[in-house]
């Protein structure tokens, strides 16, 4: 059922992972220039992978268990992305002294929140189906 609340959460996570990296810089390099997601193929690939995984998960509504597993995998992918962003921003010379990290660093966190909300709704649907099956 595509009209469920988890579809909205997953669509928001897709939009966040796909659109926001182009609107906000991730961090500033040692020269003070903004680093964007399209500047590095690793960032771009991880953001696109997260968005694609969220979008695919939307259409697995008949297989709630697979939807839940892909949601967890997407959360893991976003934590990897967050780790890569933090690592690359900290290895810059004077990385701890740079206050200009950029709002793009929190994009994976926003995506993680919406995917976790979707997983919670998927789990609630799965529990509801199991409780109805017990009554038969």
N, C-alpha and C. Protein backbone atom coordinates (compact mmCIF):
# COMPACT_ATOMS: atom_id res chain seq x y z
N UNK A 1 0.84 -1.16 0.00
CA UNK A 1 0.00 0.00 0.00
C UNK A 1 0.89 1.24 0.00
N UNK A 2 0.88 1.89 -1.11
CA UNK A 2 1.80 2.99 -1.33
C UNK A 2 1.40 4.25 -0.57
N UNK A 3 0.19 4.32 -0.05
CA UNK A 3 -0.26 5.53 0.63
C UNK A 3 0.04 5.52 2.12
N UNK A 4 0.84 4.62 2.60
CA UNK A 4 1.17 4.53 4.02
C UNK A 4 2.15 5.64 4.42
N UNK A 5 2.24 5.87 5.73
CA UNK A 5 3.09 6.94 6.25
C UNK A 5 4.57 6.67 5.99
N UNK A 6 4.96 5.37 5.97
CA UNK A 6 6.37 5.07 5.73
C UNK A 6 6.78 5.47 4.31
N UNK A 7 5.83 5.49 3.39
CA UNK A 7 6.14 5.94 2.03
C UNK A 7 6.51 7.41 2.04
N UNK A 8 5.80 8.19 2.81
CA UNK A 8 6.10 9.62 2.91
C UNK A 8 7.48 9.83 3.55
N UNK A 9 7.75 9.09 4.62
CA UNK A 9 9.06 9.20 5.27
C UNK A 9 10.19 8.81 4.32
N UNK A 10 10.00 7.72 3.58
CA UNK A 10 11.04 7.27 2.65
C UNK A 10 11.19 8.25 1.49
N UNK A 11 10.10 8.84 1.04
CA UNK A 11 10.19 9.83 -0.02
C UNK A 11 10.95 11.07 0.46
N UNK A 12 10.69 11.49 1.69
CA UNK A 12 11.43 12.64 2.25
C UNK A 12 12.91 12.30 2.37
N UNK A 13 13.23 11.08 2.81
CA UNK A 13 14.63 10.66 2.91
C UNK A 13 15.29 10.65 1.54
N UNK A 14 14.54 10.23 0.51
CA UNK A 14 15.07 10.25 -0.86
C UNK A 14 15.35 11.68 -1.31
N UNK A 15 14.39 12.57 -1.05
CA UNK A 15 14.56 13.97 -1.46
C UNK A 15 15.72 14.64 -0.73
N UNK A 16 15.86 14.32 0.57
CA UNK A 16 16.96 14.89 1.35
C UNK A 16 18.30 14.40 0.82
N UNK A 17 18.42 13.11 0.56
CA UNK A 17 19.70 12.56 0.10
C UNK A 17 20.03 12.97 -1.32
N UNK A 18 19.01 13.22 -2.13
CA UNK A 18 19.27 13.54 -3.53
C UNK A 18 19.36 15.05 -3.78
N UNK A 19 18.57 15.84 -3.08
CA UNK A 19 18.51 17.25 -3.38
C UNK A 19 19.36 18.16 -2.54
N UNK A 20 19.42 17.91 -1.25
CA UNK A 20 20.13 18.83 -0.35
C UNK A 20 21.64 18.91 -0.57
N UNK A 21 22.33 17.84 -0.99
CA UNK A 21 23.77 18.00 -1.23
C UNK A 21 24.11 19.01 -2.31
N UNK A 22 23.16 19.29 -3.20
CA UNK A 22 23.41 20.30 -4.24
C UNK A 22 23.10 21.71 -3.75
N UNK A 23 22.37 21.82 -2.66
CA UNK A 23 22.00 23.13 -2.15
C UNK A 23 22.90 23.63 -1.04
N UNK A 24 23.54 22.72 -0.34
CA UNK A 24 24.37 23.10 0.80
C UNK A 24 25.77 22.51 0.66
N UNK A 25 26.77 23.29 1.01
CA UNK A 25 28.14 22.77 0.96
C UNK A 25 28.37 21.83 2.16
N UNK A 26 29.27 20.89 1.96
CA UNK A 26 29.53 19.91 3.01
C UNK A 26 30.45 20.47 4.09
N UNK A 27 31.55 21.05 3.66
CA UNK A 27 32.50 21.68 4.59
C UNK A 27 33.43 22.55 3.77
N UNK A 28 34.29 23.30 4.44
CA UNK A 28 35.26 24.16 3.75
C UNK A 28 36.64 23.51 3.83
N UNK A 29 37.38 23.59 2.74
CA UNK A 29 38.72 23.00 2.74
C UNK A 29 39.72 23.97 3.37
N UNK A 30 41.01 23.62 3.28
CA UNK A 30 42.04 24.43 3.94
C UNK A 30 42.18 25.82 3.34
N UNK A 31 41.72 26.02 2.09
CA UNK A 31 41.76 27.34 1.47
C UNK A 31 40.51 28.17 1.76
N UNK A 32 39.56 27.58 2.47
CA UNK A 32 38.33 28.27 2.78
C UNK A 32 37.27 28.12 1.70
N UNK A 33 37.56 27.30 0.68
CA UNK A 33 36.60 27.09 -0.40
C UNK A 33 35.62 25.99 0.00
N UNK A 34 34.39 26.15 -0.39
CA UNK A 34 33.35 25.17 -0.04
C UNK A 34 33.56 23.88 -0.84
N UNK A 35 33.39 22.75 -0.17
CA UNK A 35 33.45 21.44 -0.81
C UNK A 35 32.01 20.97 -0.99
N UNK A 36 31.65 20.66 -2.23
CA UNK A 36 30.30 20.22 -2.57
C UNK A 36 30.30 18.73 -2.82
N UNK A 37 29.14 18.12 -2.80
CA UNK A 37 29.04 16.68 -3.01
C UNK A 37 29.50 16.27 -4.40
N UNK A 38 29.25 17.10 -5.39
CA UNK A 38 29.65 16.73 -6.76
C UNK A 38 31.14 16.90 -7.01
N UNK A 39 31.87 17.47 -6.05
CA UNK A 39 33.31 17.61 -6.19
C UNK A 39 34.05 16.29 -5.99
N UNK A 40 33.45 15.38 -5.27
CA UNK A 40 34.09 14.10 -4.96
C UNK A 40 33.13 12.99 -5.33
N UNK A 41 33.59 12.05 -6.13
CA UNK A 41 32.72 10.95 -6.58
C UNK A 41 32.28 10.04 -5.43
N UNK A 42 33.07 9.94 -4.39
CA UNK A 42 32.70 9.13 -3.23
C UNK A 42 31.48 9.71 -2.54
N UNK A 43 31.49 11.01 -2.31
CA UNK A 43 30.34 11.67 -1.68
C UNK A 43 29.11 11.53 -2.56
N UNK A 44 29.29 11.82 -3.83
CA UNK A 44 28.17 11.78 -4.76
C UNK A 44 27.60 10.37 -4.85
N UNK A 45 28.47 9.37 -4.89
CA UNK A 45 28.01 7.98 -4.96
C UNK A 45 27.27 7.54 -3.71
N UNK A 46 27.77 7.94 -2.55
CA UNK A 46 27.10 7.56 -1.30
C UNK A 46 25.75 8.26 -1.15
N UNK A 47 25.68 9.54 -1.51
CA UNK A 47 24.40 10.25 -1.46
C UNK A 47 23.41 9.63 -2.45
N UNK A 48 23.87 9.36 -3.67
CA UNK A 48 23.00 8.77 -4.69
C UNK A 48 22.58 7.36 -4.29
N UNK A 49 23.49 6.60 -3.70
CA UNK A 49 23.16 5.25 -3.24
C UNK A 49 22.11 5.26 -2.15
N UNK A 50 22.22 6.19 -1.25
CA UNK A 50 21.23 6.33 -0.18
C UNK A 50 19.87 6.71 -0.75
N UNK A 51 19.86 7.64 -1.69
CA UNK A 51 18.59 8.06 -2.30
C UNK A 51 17.97 6.92 -3.10
N UNK A 52 18.79 6.20 -3.84
CA UNK A 52 18.28 5.08 -4.64
C UNK A 52 17.73 3.97 -3.75
N UNK A 53 18.43 3.68 -2.67
CA UNK A 53 17.97 2.64 -1.76
C UNK A 53 16.65 3.03 -1.09
N UNK A 54 16.50 4.29 -0.73
CA UNK A 54 15.24 4.77 -0.15
C UNK A 54 14.11 4.69 -1.18
N UNK A 55 14.41 5.04 -2.41
CA UNK A 55 13.39 5.01 -3.46
C UNK A 55 12.96 3.59 -3.77
N UNK A 56 13.90 2.66 -3.82
CA UNK A 56 13.56 1.25 -4.06
C UNK A 56 12.74 0.69 -2.92
N UNK A 57 13.07 1.09 -1.71
CA UNK A 57 12.37 0.59 -0.53
C UNK A 57 10.90 1.00 -0.54
N UNK A 58 10.58 2.13 -1.14
CA UNK A 58 9.19 2.58 -1.21
C UNK A 58 8.32 1.54 -1.91
N UNK A 59 8.82 0.92 -2.96
CA UNK A 59 8.02 0.03 -3.78
C UNK A 59 8.03 -1.43 -3.31
N UNK A 60 8.63 -1.69 -2.18
CA UNK A 60 8.61 -3.05 -1.62
C UNK A 60 7.55 -3.18 -0.54
N UNK A 61 6.44 -2.48 -0.69
CA UNK A 61 5.42 -2.44 0.35
C UNK A 61 4.74 -3.78 0.57
N UNK A 62 4.79 -4.68 -0.40
CA UNK A 62 4.19 -6.01 -0.21
C UNK A 62 5.11 -6.94 0.57
N UNK A 63 6.37 -6.62 0.61
CA UNK A 63 7.36 -7.43 1.34
C UNK A 63 7.92 -6.57 2.47
N UNK A 64 7.16 -6.48 3.55
CA UNK A 64 7.53 -5.60 4.65
C UNK A 64 8.85 -5.97 5.29
N UNK A 65 9.14 -7.27 5.37
CA UNK A 65 10.40 -7.69 5.99
C UNK A 65 11.60 -7.22 5.16
N UNK A 66 11.49 -7.34 3.84
CA UNK A 66 12.57 -6.85 2.97
C UNK A 66 12.68 -5.32 3.04
N UNK A 67 11.54 -4.66 3.16
CA UNK A 67 11.52 -3.21 3.29
C UNK A 67 12.24 -2.78 4.57
N UNK A 68 11.99 -3.50 5.64
CA UNK A 68 12.63 -3.20 6.92
C UNK A 68 14.14 -3.42 6.85
N UNK A 69 14.56 -4.51 6.22
CA UNK A 69 15.99 -4.81 6.09
C UNK A 69 16.69 -3.76 5.23
N UNK A 70 16.06 -3.36 4.13
CA UNK A 70 16.67 -2.33 3.29
C UNK A 70 16.73 -0.99 4.01
N UNK A 71 15.77 -0.73 4.87
CA UNK A 71 15.82 0.49 5.68
C UNK A 71 17.01 0.47 6.62
N UNK A 72 17.23 -0.66 7.25
CA UNK A 72 18.41 -0.77 8.14
C UNK A 72 19.71 -0.66 7.36
N UNK A 73 19.75 -1.26 6.18
CA UNK A 73 20.94 -1.16 5.34
C UNK A 73 21.18 0.30 4.93
N UNK A 74 20.12 1.02 4.66
CA UNK A 74 20.24 2.42 4.29
C UNK A 74 20.72 3.27 5.47
N UNK A 75 20.26 2.95 6.67
CA UNK A 75 20.76 3.65 7.86
C UNK A 75 22.25 3.41 8.01
N UNK A 76 22.68 2.18 7.80
CA UNK A 76 24.11 1.85 7.87
C UNK A 76 24.90 2.61 6.80
N UNK A 77 24.35 2.69 5.59
CA UNK A 77 25.01 3.44 4.52
C UNK A 77 25.14 4.92 4.87
N UNK A 78 24.11 5.48 5.50
CA UNK A 78 24.17 6.89 5.90
C UNK A 78 25.18 7.10 7.03
N UNK A 79 25.31 6.13 7.94
CA UNK A 79 26.35 6.26 8.97
C UNK A 79 27.74 6.20 8.36
N UNK A 80 27.93 5.36 7.34
CA UNK A 80 29.21 5.32 6.63
C UNK A 80 29.48 6.65 5.95
N UNK A 81 28.45 7.21 5.31
CA UNK A 81 28.59 8.51 4.66
C UNK A 81 28.94 9.59 5.67
N UNK A 82 28.28 9.57 6.82
CA UNK A 82 28.58 10.54 7.87
C UNK A 82 30.02 10.38 8.36
N UNK A 83 30.45 9.15 8.53
CA UNK A 83 31.82 8.90 8.96
C UNK A 83 32.84 9.38 7.94
N UNK A 84 32.57 9.16 6.66
CA UNK A 84 33.48 9.62 5.61
C UNK A 84 33.54 11.15 5.59
N UNK A 85 32.39 11.79 5.74
CA UNK A 85 32.38 13.26 5.75
C UNK A 85 33.14 13.82 6.94
N UNK A 86 32.92 13.25 8.10
CA UNK A 86 33.63 13.73 9.29
C UNK A 86 35.12 13.46 9.16
N UNK A 87 35.49 12.29 8.66
CA UNK A 87 36.90 11.96 8.49
C UNK A 87 37.58 12.93 7.52
N UNK A 88 36.95 13.17 6.37
CA UNK A 88 37.57 14.06 5.39
C UNK A 88 37.61 15.50 5.85
N UNK A 89 36.65 15.91 6.65
CA UNK A 89 36.70 17.28 7.15
C UNK A 89 37.75 17.44 8.26
N UNK A 90 38.08 16.37 8.96
CA UNK A 90 39.04 16.45 10.05
C UNK A 90 40.49 16.26 9.60
N UNK A 91 40.71 15.62 8.45
CA UNK A 91 42.10 15.42 8.02
C UNK A 91 42.67 16.64 7.31
N UNK A 92 41.83 17.65 7.09
CA UNK A 92 42.34 18.89 6.52
C UNK A 92 43.33 19.51 7.50
N UNK A 93 44.30 20.22 6.98
CA UNK A 93 45.24 20.87 7.88
C UNK A 93 44.50 21.90 8.71
N UNK A 94 44.62 21.80 9.99
CA UNK A 94 43.89 22.68 10.89
C UNK A 94 42.41 22.34 10.93
N UNK A 95 42.09 21.09 10.71
CA UNK A 95 40.70 20.67 10.62
C UNK A 95 39.89 20.92 11.87
N UNK A 96 40.52 20.82 13.04
CA UNK A 96 39.77 21.05 14.26
C UNK A 96 39.58 22.53 14.53
N UNK A 97 40.42 23.37 13.93
CA UNK A 97 40.30 24.80 14.15
C UNK A 97 39.31 25.44 13.18
N UNK A 98 38.94 24.72 12.12
CA UNK A 98 38.02 25.27 11.14
C UNK A 98 36.61 25.21 11.70
N UNK A 99 35.98 26.35 11.82
CA UNK A 99 34.62 26.41 12.35
C UNK A 99 33.58 26.25 11.26
N UNK A 100 33.99 26.39 10.02
CA UNK A 100 33.08 26.36 8.89
C UNK A 100 32.94 24.93 8.38
N UNK A 101 32.11 24.13 9.04
CA UNK A 101 31.92 22.75 8.62
C UNK A 101 30.88 22.62 7.53
N UNK A 102 29.92 23.50 7.49
CA UNK A 102 28.88 23.44 6.48
C UNK A 102 27.67 22.66 6.97
N UNK A 103 26.53 23.09 6.54
CA UNK A 103 25.30 22.45 6.98
C UNK A 103 25.11 21.10 6.28
N UNK A 104 25.83 20.88 5.22
CA UNK A 104 25.72 19.62 4.49
C UNK A 104 26.19 18.41 5.29
N UNK A 105 26.91 18.65 6.37
CA UNK A 105 27.38 17.54 7.20
C UNK A 105 26.24 16.86 7.94
N UNK A 106 25.11 17.55 8.13
CA UNK A 106 24.02 16.93 8.87
C UNK A 106 22.98 16.29 7.96
N UNK A 107 23.18 16.33 6.65
CA UNK A 107 22.23 15.72 5.73
C UNK A 107 22.06 14.22 6.00
N UNK A 108 23.14 13.46 6.22
CA UNK A 108 22.93 12.04 6.54
C UNK A 108 22.13 11.83 7.84
N UNK A 109 22.30 12.71 8.81
CA UNK A 109 21.54 12.58 10.05
C UNK A 109 20.04 12.78 9.83
N UNK A 110 19.70 13.75 8.99
CA UNK A 110 18.28 13.98 8.67
C UNK A 110 17.71 12.76 7.96
N UNK A 111 18.47 12.22 7.04
CA UNK A 111 18.03 11.03 6.32
C UNK A 111 17.87 9.83 7.26
N UNK A 112 18.79 9.68 8.21
CA UNK A 112 18.71 8.58 9.18
C UNK A 112 17.44 8.70 10.01
N UNK A 113 17.10 9.91 10.41
CA UNK A 113 15.89 10.12 11.22
C UNK A 113 14.64 9.69 10.45
N UNK A 114 14.52 10.10 9.20
CA UNK A 114 13.33 9.74 8.43
C UNK A 114 13.29 8.25 8.10
N UNK A 115 14.42 7.64 7.87
CA UNK A 115 14.43 6.20 7.60
C UNK A 115 14.08 5.43 8.87
N UNK A 116 14.55 5.90 10.01
CA UNK A 116 14.19 5.24 11.28
C UNK A 116 12.70 5.37 11.55
N UNK A 117 12.11 6.53 11.25
CA UNK A 117 10.66 6.68 11.40
C UNK A 117 9.91 5.74 10.46
N UNK A 118 10.41 5.60 9.24
CA UNK A 118 9.79 4.67 8.29
C UNK A 118 9.89 3.24 8.79
N UNK A 119 11.05 2.86 9.33
CA UNK A 119 11.21 1.50 9.86
C UNK A 119 10.28 1.25 11.03
N UNK A 120 10.07 2.26 11.84
CA UNK A 120 9.15 2.12 12.96
C UNK A 120 7.72 1.87 12.46
N UNK A 121 7.32 2.60 11.42
CA UNK A 121 5.99 2.41 10.84
C UNK A 121 5.87 1.05 10.15
N UNK A 122 6.92 0.60 9.51
CA UNK A 122 6.91 -0.72 8.87
C UNK A 122 6.77 -1.80 9.92
N UNK A 123 7.50 -1.66 11.01
CA UNK A 123 7.42 -2.63 12.11
C UNK A 123 6.01 -2.65 12.71
N UNK A 124 5.40 -1.49 12.84
CA UNK A 124 4.04 -1.41 13.37
C UNK A 124 3.06 -2.11 12.44
N UNK A 125 3.21 -1.94 11.12
CA UNK A 125 2.37 -2.64 10.16
C UNK A 125 2.57 -4.15 10.24
N UNK A 126 3.81 -4.57 10.35
CA UNK A 126 4.11 -6.00 10.44
C UNK A 126 3.50 -6.61 11.70
N UNK A 127 3.58 -5.91 12.81
CA UNK A 127 2.97 -6.39 14.05
C UNK A 127 1.45 -6.46 13.93
N UNK A 128 0.86 -5.50 13.25
CA UNK A 128 -0.58 -5.50 13.05
C UNK A 128 -1.02 -6.69 12.22
N UNK A 129 -0.29 -7.00 11.17
CA UNK A 129 -0.62 -8.14 10.32
C UNK A 129 -0.46 -9.44 11.10
N UNK A 130 0.58 -9.55 11.90
CA UNK A 130 0.78 -10.76 12.69
C UNK A 130 -0.33 -10.92 13.73
N UNK A 131 -0.80 -9.84 14.33
CA UNK A 131 -1.85 -9.95 15.33
C UNK A 131 -3.18 -10.36 14.69
N UNK A 132 -3.43 -9.91 13.49
CA UNK A 132 -4.65 -10.30 12.76
C UNK A 132 -4.58 -11.78 12.38
N UNK A 133 -3.39 -12.24 12.01
CA UNK A 133 -3.22 -13.66 11.65
C UNK A 133 -3.43 -14.57 12.86
N UNK A 134 -3.12 -14.10 14.05
CA UNK A 134 -3.33 -14.90 15.25
C UNK A 134 -4.81 -15.09 15.55
N UNK A 135 -5.62 -14.13 15.19
CA UNK A 135 -7.04 -14.19 15.50
C UNK A 135 -7.80 -15.17 14.60
N UNK A 136 -7.24 -15.54 13.48
CA UNK A 136 -7.93 -16.45 12.57
C UNK A 136 -7.95 -17.85 13.07
